[in-house]
Amino acid sequence: MKKDPYARRTHVTGFRLDKDVAAALREIKDREGIPISEQVRRALRAWIKFMTARSAAYSEKGLF
């Protein structure tokens, strides 16, 4: 059996979405063909990048 090259890089998780968010993600999936899981990964990476930059800026100003 061949090992999955992504097995160590991913973590399976579950969470609840508001109905309007789930509907919007499905609409994007239908229109653009981007799987919901990929949309969520992209959004989370953007959020992490934003929060990391914000934390760094606050640290430089001595706010944290």
Protein backbone atom coordinates (compact mmCIF):
# COMPACT_ATOMS: atom_id res chain seq x y z
CA MET A 1 0.00 0.00 0.00
CA LYS A 2 1.38 3.39 -1.04
CA LYS A 3 1.60 6.06 1.68
CA ASP A 4 -0.30 9.30 1.25
CA PRO A 5 2.28 12.12 0.77
CA TYR A 6 -0.09 14.57 2.50
CA ALA A 7 -0.84 12.38 5.50
CA ARG A 8 1.62 14.17 7.79
CA ARG A 9 0.76 17.62 6.49
CA THR A 10 -2.97 17.55 7.10
CA HIS A 11 -5.31 17.24 10.05
CA VAL A 12 -8.94 16.25 9.66
CA THR A 13 -11.30 18.33 11.75
CA GLY A 14 -14.97 19.22 11.86
CA PHE A 15 -16.83 22.38 12.79
CA ARG A 16 -20.23 23.99 12.38
CA LEU A 17 -20.97 26.77 9.92
CA ASP A 18 -23.82 29.25 9.93
CA LYS A 19 -26.35 28.38 7.24
CA ASP A 20 -25.64 31.52 5.23
CA VAL A 21 -21.90 30.80 5.22
CA ALA A 22 -22.45 27.19 4.13
CA ALA A 23 -24.78 28.34 1.36
CA ALA A 24 -22.26 30.90 0.13
CA LEU A 25 -19.50 28.28 0.09
CA ARG A 26 -21.72 25.87 -1.87
CA GLU A 27 -22.56 28.65 -4.34
CA ILE A 28 -18.86 29.33 -4.91
CA LYS A 29 -18.23 25.59 -5.30
CA ASP A 30 -20.97 25.33 -7.92
CA ARG A 31 -19.90 28.45 -9.78
CA GLU A 32 -16.09 28.21 -9.56
CA GLY A 33 -15.56 24.51 -8.90
CA ILE A 34 -13.48 25.17 -5.77
CA PRO A 35 -14.19 22.52 -3.13
CA ILE A 36 -15.53 23.83 0.16
CA SER A 37 -12.57 22.39 2.06
CA GLU A 38 -10.17 24.33 -0.18
CA GLN A 39 -12.15 27.54 0.30
CA VAL A 40 -11.97 27.08 4.07
CA ARG A 41 -8.21 26.36 3.94
CA ARG A 42 -7.60 29.53 1.92
CA ALA A 43 -9.72 31.64 4.26
CA LEU A 44 -8.01 30.27 7.36
CA ARG A 45 -4.54 30.87 5.91
CA ALA A 46 -5.50 34.48 5.10
CA TRP A 47 -6.85 34.93 8.65
CA ILE A 48 -3.68 33.49 10.20
CA LYS A 49 -1.51 35.74 8.03
CA PHE A 50 -3.57 38.79 9.02
CA MET A 51 -3.50 37.97 12.73
CA THR A 52 0.23 37.24 12.68
CA ALA A 53 0.95 40.60 11.04
CA ARG A 54 -1.40 42.37 13.46
CA SER A 55 0.26 40.76 16.48
CA ALA A 56 3.69 41.76 15.18
CA ALA A 57 2.54 45.36 14.65
CA TYR A 58 1.04 45.51 18.15
CA SER A 59 4.21 44.08 19.66
CA GLU A 60 6.33 46.72 17.94
CA LYS A 61 4.08 49.42 19.45
CA GLY A 62 4.20 47.80 22.87
CA LEU A 63 0.47 47.09 22.90
CA PHE A 64 0.93 43.44 23.85
